[in-house]
Amino acid sequence: MTSRSALSAARAGSNPVTLLYFAALVTSLGDTIASPVAAAVFVAAVGIASLSWQVLLVVLGAGMRRKSGAGLKRWTPVVGNGIVAVLGAAIIAHALA
């Protein structure tokens, strides 16, 4: 993994939104993870899943960067941001309904 890829993975892993989501998820589980062993297993599983997802994104991004043309590089962020905006608007609309 290059230093740029490692930096991207580290930034994504320390994303405050991810940390807030994780905190909300843990508090909503209540008695499900009441024992210290269950809590440790849960935290380990979330960490492994998050790390594997970030590694997959870094690997796919690196592969696409090498093989993609200028058009794809220009439109990928536009499409990705558009998807995020639409999903965010849907969540807000659902919350206000």
C-alpha atoms as a PDB file:
ATOM      1  CA  MET A   1       0.000   0.000   0.000  1.00  0.00           C
ATOM      2  CA  THR A   2       1.398   3.392  -0.938  1.00  0.00           C
ATOM      3  CA  SER A   3       1.664   6.228   1.565  1.00  0.00           C
ATOM      4  CA  ARG A   4      -1.199   8.045  -0.183  1.00  0.00           C
ATOM      5  CA  SER A   5      -3.411   4.961   0.076  1.00  0.00           C
ATOM      6  CA  ALA A   6      -2.489   4.489   3.735  1.00  0.00           C
ATOM      7  CA  LEU A   7      -3.329   8.134   4.437  1.00  0.00           C
ATOM      8  CA  SER A   8      -6.720   7.776   2.718  1.00  0.00           C
ATOM      9  CA  ALA A   9      -7.506   4.647   4.699  1.00  0.00           C
ATOM     10  CA  ALA A  10      -6.488   6.320   7.959  1.00  0.00           C
ATOM     11  CA  ARG A  11      -8.627   9.390   7.233  1.00  0.00           C
ATOM     12  CA  ALA A  12     -11.638   7.255   6.391  1.00  0.00           C
ATOM     13  CA  GLY A  13     -11.141   5.161   9.516  1.00  0.00           C
ATOM     14  CA  SER A  14     -11.092   8.245  11.699  1.00  0.00           C
ATOM     15  CA  ASN A  15     -14.192   9.764  10.109  1.00  0.00           C
ATOM     16  CA  PRO A  16     -16.200  11.524  12.841  1.00  0.00           C
ATOM     17  CA  VAL A  17     -19.500  10.560  11.208  1.00  0.00           C
ATOM     18  CA  THR A  18     -18.505   6.892  11.359  1.00  0.00           C
ATOM     19  CA  LEU A  19     -17.554   7.266  15.004  1.00  0.00           C
ATOM     20  CA  LEU A  20     -20.898   8.947  15.805  1.00  0.00           C
ATOM     21  CA  TYR A  21     -22.801   6.230  13.959  1.00  0.00           C
ATOM     22  CA  PHE A  22     -20.897   3.568  15.881  1.00  0.00           C
ATOM     23  CA  ALA A  23     -21.623   5.305  19.205  1.00  0.00           C
ATOM     24  CA  ALA A  24     -25.338   5.547  18.362  1.00  0.00           C
ATOM     25  CA  LEU A  25     -25.431   1.897  17.355  1.00  0.00           C
ATOM     26  CA  VAL A  26     -23.756   0.753  20.565  1.00  0.00           C
ATOM     27  CA  THR A  27     -26.115   2.765  22.764  1.00  0.00           C
ATOM     28  CA  SER A  28     -29.161   1.414  20.937  1.00  0.00           C
ATOM     29  CA  LEU A  29     -28.147  -2.204  21.537  1.00  0.00           C
ATOM     30  CA  GLY A  30     -28.750  -1.880  25.279  1.00  0.00           C
ATOM     31  CA  ASP A  31     -28.714  -5.260  27.024  1.00  0.00           C
ATOM     32  CA  THR A  32     -27.584  -7.123  23.905  1.00  0.00           C
ATOM     33  CA  ILE A  33     -23.940  -6.358  24.654  1.00  0.00           C
ATOM     34  CA  ALA A  34     -24.206  -6.177  28.444  1.00  0.00           C
ATOM     35  CA  SER A  35     -21.307  -8.544  29.105  1.00  0.00           C
ATOM     36  CA  PRO A  36     -17.709  -7.372  28.610  1.00  0.00           C
ATOM     37  CA  VAL A  37     -16.987 -10.356  26.349  1.00  0.00           C
ATOM     38  CA  ALA A  38     -19.937  -9.554  24.060  1.00  0.00           C
ATOM     39  CA  ALA A  39     -18.885  -5.907  23.931  1.00  0.00           C
ATOM     40  CA  ALA A  40     -15.301  -6.841  23.047  1.00  0.00           C
ATOM     41  CA  VAL A  41     -16.477  -9.218  20.304  1.00  0.00           C
ATOM     42  CA  PHE A  42     -18.788  -6.529  18.919  1.00  0.00           C
ATOM     43  CA  VAL A  43     -16.062  -3.878  18.876  1.00  0.00           C
ATOM     44  CA  ALA A  44     -13.603  -6.295  17.252  1.00  0.00           C
ATOM     45  CA  ALA A  45     -16.144  -7.322  14.608  1.00  0.00           C
ATOM     46  CA  VAL A  46     -16.984  -3.713  13.770  1.00  0.00           C
ATOM     47  CA  GLY A  47     -13.291  -2.843  13.581  1.00  0.00           C
ATOM     48  CA  ILE A  48     -12.504  -5.758  11.276  1.00  0.00           C
ATOM     49  CA  ALA A  49     -15.502  -5.012   9.058  1.00  0.00           C
ATOM     50  CA  SER A  50     -14.606  -1.324   8.847  1.00  0.00           C
ATOM     51  CA  LEU A  51     -10.960  -2.044   8.095  1.00  0.00           C
ATOM     52  CA  SER A  52     -11.829  -4.566   5.384  1.00  0.00           C
ATOM     53  CA  TRP A  53     -14.276  -2.123   3.773  1.00  0.00           C
ATOM     54  CA  GLN A  54     -11.686   0.669   3.769  1.00  0.00           C
ATOM     55  CA  VAL A  55      -9.013  -1.612   2.297  1.00  0.00           C
ATOM     56  CA  LEU A  56     -11.432  -2.711  -0.423  1.00  0.00           C
ATOM     57  CA  LEU A  57     -12.213   0.925  -1.284  1.00  0.00           C
ATOM     58  CA  VAL A  58      -8.525   1.835  -1.408  1.00  0.00           C
ATOM     59  CA  VAL A  59      -7.669  -1.138  -3.634  1.00  0.00           C
ATOM     60  CA  LEU A  60     -10.577  -0.475  -5.997  1.00  0.00           C
ATOM     61  CA  GLY A  61      -9.774   3.244  -6.121  1.00  0.00           C
ATOM     62  CA  ALA A  62      -6.119   2.565  -6.899  1.00  0.00           C
ATOM     63  CA  GLY A  63      -7.068   0.126  -9.637  1.00  0.00           C
ATOM     64  CA  MET A  64      -9.570   2.503 -11.184  1.00  0.00           C
ATOM     65  CA  ARG A  65      -7.126   5.396 -11.033  1.00  0.00           C
ATOM     66  CA  ARG A  66      -4.582   3.521 -13.111  1.00  0.00           C
ATOM     67  CA  LYS A  67      -7.052   2.264 -15.707  1.00  0.00           C
ATOM     68  CA  SER A  68      -9.519   5.122 -16.032  1.00  0.00           C
ATOM     69  CA  GLY A  69      -9.521   7.969 -18.473  1.00  0.00           C
ATOM     70  CA  ALA A  70     -10.026  11.671 -17.869  1.00  0.00           C
ATOM     71  CA  GLY A  71     -13.794  11.458 -18.439  1.00  0.00           C
ATOM     72  CA  LEU A  72     -14.323   8.852 -15.734  1.00  0.00           C
ATOM     73  CA  LYS A  73     -12.095  10.754 -13.319  1.00  0.00           C
ATOM     74  CA  ARG A  74     -14.115  13.903 -13.959  1.00  0.00           C
ATOM     75  CA  TRP A  75     -17.593  12.330 -13.603  1.00  0.00           C
ATOM     76  CA  THR A  76     -17.022   9.883 -10.744  1.00  0.00           C
ATOM     77  CA  PRO A  77     -17.028  12.577  -8.013  1.00  0.00           C
ATOM     78  CA  VAL A  78     -20.039  14.295  -9.575  1.00  0.00           C
ATOM     79  CA  VAL A  79     -22.066  11.080  -9.650  1.00  0.00           C
ATOM     80  CA  GLY A  80     -20.919  10.032  -6.171  1.00  0.00           C
ATOM     81  CA  ASN A  81     -21.768  13.405  -4.651  1.00  0.00           C
ATOM     82  CA  GLY A  82     -25.109  13.368  -6.449  1.00  0.00           C
ATOM     83  CA  ILE A  83     -25.954   9.979  -4.954  1.00  0.00           C
ATOM     84  CA  VAL A  84     -25.015  11.203  -1.469  1.00  0.00           C
ATOM     85  CA  ALA A  85     -27.142  14.345  -1.946  1.00  0.00           C
ATOM     86  CA  VAL A  86     -30.182  12.336  -3.079  1.00  0.00           C
ATOM     87  CA  LEU A  87     -29.845   9.873  -0.189  1.00  0.00           C
ATOM     88  CA  GLY A  88     -29.403  12.747   2.276  1.00  0.00           C
ATOM     89  CA  ALA A  89     -32.509  14.489   0.932  1.00  0.00           C
ATOM     90  CA  ALA A  90     -34.458  11.223   1.239  1.00  0.00           C
ATOM     91  CA  ILE A  91     -33.387  10.841   4.874  1.00  0.00           C
ATOM     92  CA  ILE A  92     -34.376  14.438   5.652  1.00  0.00           C
ATOM     93  CA  ALA A  93     -37.730  14.023   3.891  1.00  0.00           C
ATOM     94  CA  HIS A  94     -38.413  10.813   5.808  1.00  0.00           C
ATOM     95  CA  ALA A  95     -37.482  12.469   9.107  1.00  0.00           C
ATOM     96  CA  LEU A  96     -39.820  15.404   8.437  1.00  0.00           C
ATOM     97  CA  ALA A  97     -42.735  13.228   7.311  1.00  0.00           C
END
